[in-house]
Amino acid sequence: MDKRETREEFENTTKATTDTDQSQSEKREAADGDVEAQENEQPAKNESEAVKEELEAAKDKYLRLYSEFENFRKRTAREKLEMIQSANEQLITALLPVIDDFDRAAQVLPENPDKTTEGFLLIHAKLRKTLETFGVKSMEIEKGADFDADYHDAVTQIPAPEPSLKGKIVDVIEKGYFLNDKVIRYAKVVVGN
């Protein structure tokens, strides 16, 4: 063999080895690229799964809060209705003895008309005292007092019997009442014109 043949064989062998190395390195690079692509896709999938899980958790939390609020709203409405239905129970219970007194006085009326008047006055005083314990007070309005629309309701106007009563209260038709310093019924009055 001569040198030339040996050299050609060496070059061919080297070229084949180089080609094989290049193709193997290309395959490795392609495989590495696939692995990187898979790794890049995997975190993207993990991130989207994490976002979905967070969304599901937020939905669950929202539904629980909404349910709790609805239950609270219904319970509050029920309690308010019960409170309204039994609000005056204490007052009515306190007024029942007064009604009993009126019943007893009505039974005695035909027998003793003189004592009945005294009995009715006592019952009237008892009723006023019972109402006062619950914060009910009557408005004390005198003839000649100034008209005040915050407390009085002018039913009519009449010519003033005296010049000093012009624009003032001439007569009280129906008393007004306060409940704990709040007007619950305005006094119906006649005003001088």
C-alpha atoms as a PDB file:
ATOM      1  CA  MET A   1       0.000   0.000   0.000  1.00  0.00           C
ATOM      2  CA  ASP A   2       1.229   3.222  -0.740  1.00  0.00           C
ATOM      3  CA  LYS A   3       1.001   6.340   1.202  1.00  0.00           C
ATOM      4  CA  ARG A   4      -1.620   7.797  -0.954  1.00  0.00           C
ATOM      5  CA  GLU A   5      -4.071   4.974  -0.410  1.00  0.00           C
ATOM      6  CA  THR A   6      -3.420   5.025   3.276  1.00  0.00           C
ATOM      7  CA  ARG A   7      -3.995   8.714   3.406  1.00  0.00           C
ATOM      8  CA  GLU A   8      -7.289   8.457   1.471  1.00  0.00           C
ATOM      9  CA  GLU A   9      -8.452   5.687   3.760  1.00  0.00           C
ATOM     10  CA  PHE A  10      -7.548   7.789   6.777  1.00  0.00           C
ATOM     11  CA  GLU A  11      -9.402  10.788   5.359  1.00  0.00           C
ATOM     12  CA  ASN A  12     -12.457   8.655   4.507  1.00  0.00           C
ATOM     13  CA  THR A  13     -12.436   7.104   7.947  1.00  0.00           C
ATOM     14  CA  THR A  14     -12.040  10.492   9.568  1.00  0.00           C
ATOM     15  CA  LYS A  15     -14.794  11.934   7.368  1.00  0.00           C
ATOM     16  CA  ALA A  16     -17.142   9.057   8.230  1.00  0.00           C
ATOM     17  CA  THR A  17     -16.323   9.420  11.892  1.00  0.00           C
ATOM     18  CA  THR A  18     -16.881  13.180  11.675  1.00  0.00           C
ATOM     19  CA  ASP A  19     -20.169  12.661   9.825  1.00  0.00           C
ATOM     20  CA  THR A  20     -21.236  10.131  12.421  1.00  0.00           C
ATOM     21  CA  ASP A  21     -20.173  12.440  15.229  1.00  0.00           C
ATOM     22  CA  GLN A  22     -22.036  15.336  13.613  1.00  0.00           C
ATOM     23  CA  SER A  23     -25.178  13.308  13.096  1.00  0.00           C
ATOM     24  CA  GLN A  24     -24.988  12.010  16.664  1.00  0.00           C
ATOM     25  CA  SER A  25     -24.404  15.513  17.991  1.00  0.00           C
ATOM     26  CA  GLU A  26     -27.326  16.785  15.870  1.00  0.00           C
ATOM     27  CA  LYS A  27     -29.465  13.997  17.270  1.00  0.00           C
ATOM     28  CA  ARG A  28     -28.366  14.903  20.790  1.00  0.00           C
ATOM     29  CA  GLU A  29     -29.122  18.572  20.172  1.00  0.00           C
ATOM     30  CA  ALA A  30     -32.513  17.673  18.764  1.00  0.00           C
ATOM     31  CA  ALA A  31     -33.173  15.411  21.729  1.00  0.00           C
ATOM     32  CA  ASP A  32     -31.983  18.134  24.113  1.00  0.00           C
ATOM     33  CA  GLY A  33     -34.255  20.591  22.322  1.00  0.00           C
ATOM     34  CA  ASP A  34     -37.172  18.194  22.704  1.00  0.00           C
ATOM     35  CA  VAL A  35     -36.384  17.779  26.398  1.00  0.00           C
ATOM     36  CA  GLU A  36     -36.159  21.570  26.804  1.00  0.00           C
ATOM     37  CA  ALA A  37     -39.435  21.988  24.909  1.00  0.00           C
ATOM     38  CA  GLN A  38     -41.031  19.392  27.140  1.00  0.00           C
ATOM     39  CA  GLU A  39     -39.574  21.083  30.219  1.00  0.00           C
ATOM     40  CA  ASN A  40     -40.866  24.459  28.967  1.00  0.00           C
ATOM     41  CA  GLU A  41     -44.307  22.948  28.305  1.00  0.00           C
ATOM     42  CA  GLN A  42     -44.386  21.211  31.679  1.00  0.00           C
ATOM     43  CA  PRO A  43     -43.974  24.421  33.736  1.00  0.00           C
ATOM     44  CA  ALA A  44     -46.572  26.059  31.503  1.00  0.00           C
ATOM     45  CA  LYS A  45     -48.913  23.180  32.234  1.00  0.00           C
ATOM     46  CA  ASN A  46     -48.045  23.383  35.938  1.00  0.00           C
ATOM     47  CA  GLU A  47     -48.686  27.133  35.942  1.00  0.00           C
ATOM     48  CA  SER A  48     -52.054  26.745  34.214  1.00  0.00           C
ATOM     49  CA  GLU A  49     -52.987  23.952  36.607  1.00  0.00           C
ATOM     50  CA  ALA A  50     -51.969  26.164  39.546  1.00  0.00           C
ATOM     51  CA  VAL A  51     -54.095  29.007  38.174  1.00  0.00           C
ATOM     52  CA  LYS A  52     -57.034  26.628  37.724  1.00  0.00           C
ATOM     53  CA  GLU A  53     -56.621  25.380  41.290  1.00  0.00           C
ATOM     54  CA  GLU A  54     -56.493  28.966  42.591  1.00  0.00           C
ATOM     55  CA  LEU A  55     -59.624  29.791  40.599  1.00  0.00           C
ATOM     56  CA  GLU A  56     -61.439  26.758  41.999  1.00  0.00           C
ATOM     57  CA  ALA A  57     -60.359  27.693  45.536  1.00  0.00           C
ATOM     58  CA  ALA A  58     -61.564  31.276  45.007  1.00  0.00           C
ATOM     59  CA  LYS A  59     -64.905  30.025  43.647  1.00  0.00           C
ATOM     60  CA  ASP A  60     -65.303  27.695  46.628  1.00  0.00           C
ATOM     61  CA  LYS A  61     -64.461  30.508  49.055  1.00  0.00           C
ATOM     62  CA  TYR A  62     -66.917  32.832  47.292  1.00  0.00           C
ATOM     63  CA  LEU A  63     -69.715  30.254  47.431  1.00  0.00           C
ATOM     64  CA  ARG A  64     -69.087  29.621  51.118  1.00  0.00           C
ATOM     65  CA  LEU A  65     -69.091  33.346  51.935  1.00  0.00           C
ATOM     66  CA  TYR A  66     -72.223  33.881  49.857  1.00  0.00           C
ATOM     67  CA  SER A  67     -73.967  31.001  51.627  1.00  0.00           C
ATOM     68  CA  GLU A  68     -72.933  32.325  55.037  1.00  0.00           C
ATOM     69  CA  PHE A  69     -74.220  35.795  54.137  1.00  0.00           C
ATOM     70  CA  GLU A  70     -77.543  34.404  52.890  1.00  0.00           C
ATOM     71  CA  ASN A  71     -77.946  32.394  56.102  1.00  0.00           C
ATOM     72  CA  PHE A  72     -77.123  35.505  58.165  1.00  0.00           C
ATOM     73  CA  ARG A  73     -79.621  37.595  56.183  1.00  0.00           C
ATOM     74  CA  LYS A  74     -82.387  35.013  56.605  1.00  0.00           C
ATOM     75  CA  ARG A  75     -81.676  34.568  60.321  1.00  0.00           C
ATOM     76  CA  THR A  76     -81.674  38.348  60.862  1.00  0.00           C
ATOM     77  CA  ALA A  77     -84.971  38.737  58.971  1.00  0.00           C
ATOM     78  CA  ARG A  78     -86.523  35.923  61.031  1.00  0.00           C
ATOM     79  CA  GLU A  79     -85.307  37.454  64.304  1.00  0.00           C
ATOM     80  CA  LYS A  80     -86.605  40.880  63.249  1.00  0.00           C
ATOM     81  CA  LEU A  81     -90.021  39.418  62.422  1.00  0.00           C
ATOM     82  CA  GLU A  82     -90.155  37.636  65.783  1.00  0.00           C
ATOM     83  CA  MET A  83     -89.144  40.846  67.566  1.00  0.00           C
ATOM     84  CA  ILE A  84     -91.846  42.844  65.777  1.00  0.00           C
ATOM     85  CA  GLN A  85     -94.491  40.240  66.559  1.00  0.00           C
ATOM     86  CA  SER A  86     -93.638  40.195  70.263  1.00  0.00           C
ATOM     87  CA  ALA A  87     -92.559  43.841  70.651  1.00  0.00           C
ATOM     88  CA  ASN A  88     -95.654  44.987  72.509  1.00  0.00           C
ATOM     89  CA  GLU A  89     -96.055  41.836  74.587  1.00  0.00           C
ATOM     90  CA  GLN A  90     -94.616  43.470  77.707  1.00  0.00           C
ATOM     91  CA  LEU A  91     -96.831  46.559  77.376  1.00  0.00           C
ATOM     92  CA  ILE A  92     -99.976  44.534  76.754  1.00  0.00           C
ATOM     93  CA  THR A  93     -99.195  42.279  79.716  1.00  0.00           C
ATOM     94  CA  ALA A  94     -98.873  45.400  81.884  1.00  0.00           C
ATOM     95  CA  LEU A  95    -102.217  46.747  80.588  1.00  0.00           C
ATOM     96  CA  LEU A  96    -104.204  43.566  81.274  1.00  0.00           C
ATOM     97  CA  PRO A  97    -104.751  44.398  84.992  1.00  0.00           C
ATOM     98  CA  VAL A  98    -106.170  47.782  83.944  1.00  0.00           C
ATOM     99  CA  ILE A  99    -108.654  46.024  81.662  1.00  0.00           C
ATOM    100  CA  ASP A 100    -109.577  43.725  84.561  1.00  0.00           C
ATOM    101  CA  ASP A 101    -110.236  46.818  86.691  1.00  0.00           C
ATOM    102  CA  PHE A 102    -112.499  48.270  83.987  1.00  0.00           C
ATOM    103  CA  ASP A 103    -114.418  44.971  83.843  1.00  0.00           C
ATOM    104  CA  ARG A 104    -114.934  44.999  87.610  1.00  0.00           C
ATOM    105  CA  ALA A 105    -116.062  48.652  87.533  1.00  0.00           C
ATOM    106  CA  ALA A 106    -118.527  47.903  84.725  1.00  0.00           C
ATOM    107  CA  GLN A 107    -120.070  45.117  86.858  1.00  0.00           C
ATOM    108  CA  VAL A 108    -120.504  47.483  89.835  1.00  0.00           C
ATOM    109  CA  LEU A 109    -121.889  50.386  87.721  1.00  0.00           C
ATOM    110  CA  PRO A 110    -125.567  49.415  87.845  1.00  0.00           C
ATOM    111  CA  GLU A 111    -125.479  48.820  91.613  1.00  0.00           C
ATOM    112  CA  ASN A 112    -123.487  51.874  92.819  1.00  0.00           C
ATOM    113  CA  PRO A 113    -123.231  54.708  90.291  1.00  0.00           C
ATOM    114  CA  ASP A 114    -121.500  57.018  92.813  1.00  0.00           C
ATOM    115  CA  LYS A 115    -118.663  54.602  93.574  1.00  0.00           C
ATOM    116  CA  THR A 116    -118.222  53.789  89.897  1.00  0.00           C
ATOM    117  CA  THR A 117    -117.058  57.319  89.120  1.00  0.00           C
ATOM    118  CA  GLU A 118    -114.405  57.106  91.804  1.00  0.00           C
ATOM    119  CA  GLY A 119    -113.375  53.655  90.490  1.00  0.00           C
ATOM    120  CA  PHE A 120    -113.011  54.939  86.942  1.00  0.00           C
ATOM    121  CA  LEU A 121    -110.802  57.796  88.160  1.00  0.00           C
ATOM    122  CA  LEU A 122    -108.594  55.297  89.998  1.00  0.00           C
ATOM    123  CA  ILE A 123    -108.360  53.115  86.893  1.00  0.00           C
ATOM    124  CA  HIS A 124    -107.507  56.167  84.789  1.00  0.00           C
ATOM    125  CA  ALA A 125    -104.659  57.040  87.164  1.00  0.00           C
ATOM    126  CA  LYS A 126    -103.440  53.425  87.113  1.00  0.00           C
ATOM    127  CA  LEU A 127    -103.466  53.399  83.302  1.00  0.00           C
ATOM    128  CA  ARG A 128    -101.472  56.663  83.116  1.00  0.00           C
ATOM    129  CA  LYS A 129     -98.925  55.298  85.608  1.00  0.00           C
ATOM    130  CA  THR A 130     -98.543  52.059  83.620  1.00  0.00           C
ATOM    131  CA  LEU A 131     -97.986  53.988  80.390  1.00  0.00           C
ATOM    132  CA  GLU A 132     -95.458  56.290  82.077  1.00  0.00           C
ATOM    133  CA  THR A 133     -93.408  53.274  83.182  1.00  0.00           C
ATOM    134  CA  PHE A 134     -93.083  52.420  79.471  1.00  0.00           C
ATOM    135  CA  GLY A 135     -91.975  55.976  78.577  1.00  0.00           C
ATOM    136  CA  VAL A 136     -95.346  57.333  77.377  1.00  0.00           C
ATOM    137  CA  LYS A 137     -96.030  60.925  78.447  1.00  0.00           C
ATOM    138  CA  SER A 138     -98.788  63.290  77.439  1.00  0.00           C
ATOM    139  CA  MET A 139     -98.083  66.771  76.089  1.00  0.00           C
ATOM    140  CA  GLU A 140     -99.126  69.476  78.515  1.00  0.00           C
ATOM    141  CA  ILE A 141    -100.591  72.248  76.352  1.00  0.00           C
ATOM    142  CA  GLU A 142    -102.259  75.299  77.808  1.00  0.00           C
ATOM    143  CA  LYS A 143    -104.620  77.732  76.177  1.00  0.00           C
ATOM    144  CA  GLY A 144    -102.640  80.634  74.738  1.00  0.00           C
ATOM    145  CA  ALA A 145     -99.452  78.619  74.087  1.00  0.00           C
ATOM    146  CA  ASP A 146     -97.553  79.221  70.846  1.00  0.00           C
ATOM    147  CA  PHE A 147     -98.383  76.935  67.928  1.00  0.00           C
ATOM    148  CA  ASP A 148     -95.437  74.630  67.103  1.00  0.00           C
ATOM    149  CA  ALA A 149     -95.751  72.420  64.006  1.00  0.00           C
ATOM    150  CA  ASP A 150     -93.207  69.976  65.506  1.00  0.00           C
ATOM    151  CA  TYR A 151     -95.676  69.060  68.263  1.00  0.00           C
ATOM    152  CA  HIS A 152     -99.099  70.336  67.172  1.00  0.00           C
ATOM    153  CA  ASP A 153    -101.479  69.570  64.338  1.00  0.00           C
ATOM    154  CA  ALA A 154    -103.793  72.485  63.549  1.00  0.00           C
ATOM    155  CA  VAL A 155    -107.224  71.023  62.855  1.00  0.00           C
ATOM    156  CA  THR A 156    -108.879  74.363  62.191  1.00  0.00           C
ATOM    157  CA  GLN A 157    -108.518  78.097  62.645  1.00  0.00           C
ATOM    158  CA  ILE A 158    -111.159  80.262  64.239  1.00  0.00           C
ATOM    159  CA  PRO A 159    -111.364  83.993  64.855  1.00  0.00           C
ATOM    160  CA  ALA A 160    -109.370  84.707  68.008  1.00  0.00           C
ATOM    161  CA  PRO A 161    -111.703  85.415  70.963  1.00  0.00           C
ATOM    162  CA  GLU A 162    -109.068  87.837  72.297  1.00  0.00           C
ATOM    163  CA  PRO A 163    -106.380  89.778  70.419  1.00  0.00           C
ATOM    164  CA  SER A 164    -103.701  88.099  72.576  1.00  0.00           C
ATOM    165  CA  LEU A 165    -104.717  84.643  71.201  1.00  0.00           C
ATOM    166  CA  LYS A 166    -104.081  85.565  67.565  1.00  0.00           C
ATOM    167  CA  GLY A 167    -101.733  82.884  66.146  1.00  0.00           C
ATOM    168  CA  LYS A 168    -101.871  80.976  69.448  1.00  0.00           C
ATOM    169  CA  ILE A 169    -103.616  77.801  70.573  1.00  0.00           C
ATOM    170  CA  VAL A 170    -107.239  78.460  71.494  1.00  0.00           C
ATOM    171  CA  ASP A 171    -108.345  74.889  72.290  1.00  0.00           C
ATOM    172  CA  VAL A 172    -106.909  71.355  72.463  1.00  0.00           C
ATOM    173  CA  ILE A 173    -109.153  68.775  70.780  1.00  0.00           C
ATOM    174  CA  GLU A 174    -106.929  65.736  71.319  1.00  0.00           C
ATOM    175  CA  LYS A 175    -103.811  65.428  73.485  1.00  0.00           C
ATOM    176  CA  GLY A 176    -100.460  64.597  71.964  1.00  0.00           C
ATOM    177  CA  TYR A 177     -98.111  61.952  73.352  1.00  0.00           C
ATOM    178  CA  PHE A 178     -94.379  61.284  73.554  1.00  0.00           C
ATOM    179  CA  LEU A 179     -92.706  57.898  73.692  1.00  0.00           C
ATOM    180  CA  ASN A 180     -89.233  58.372  75.182  1.00  0.00           C
ATOM    181  CA  ASP A 181     -89.170  62.030  74.050  1.00  0.00           C
ATOM    182  CA  LYS A 182     -90.264  61.155  70.500  1.00  0.00           C
ATOM    183  CA  VAL A 183     -93.655  62.386  69.300  1.00  0.00           C
ATOM    184  CA  ILE A 184     -95.912  59.392  68.681  1.00  0.00           C
ATOM    185  CA  ARG A 185     -99.098  61.434  68.320  1.00  0.00           C
ATOM    186  CA  TYR A 186     -99.342  65.137  67.541  1.00  0.00           C
ATOM    187  CA  ALA A 187    -101.737  67.216  69.609  1.00  0.00           C
ATOM    188  CA  LYS A 188    -104.784  68.300  67.607  1.00  0.00           C
ATOM    189  CA  VAL A 189    -105.405  71.953  68.328  1.00  0.00           C
ATOM    190  CA  VAL A 190    -107.503  74.913  67.249  1.00  0.00           C
ATOM    191  CA  VAL A 191    -105.524  78.043  66.409  1.00  0.00           C
ATOM    192  CA  GLY A 192    -106.787  81.625  66.734  1.00  0.00           C
ATOM    193  CA  ASN A 193    -106.835  83.682  63.551  1.00  0.00           C
END
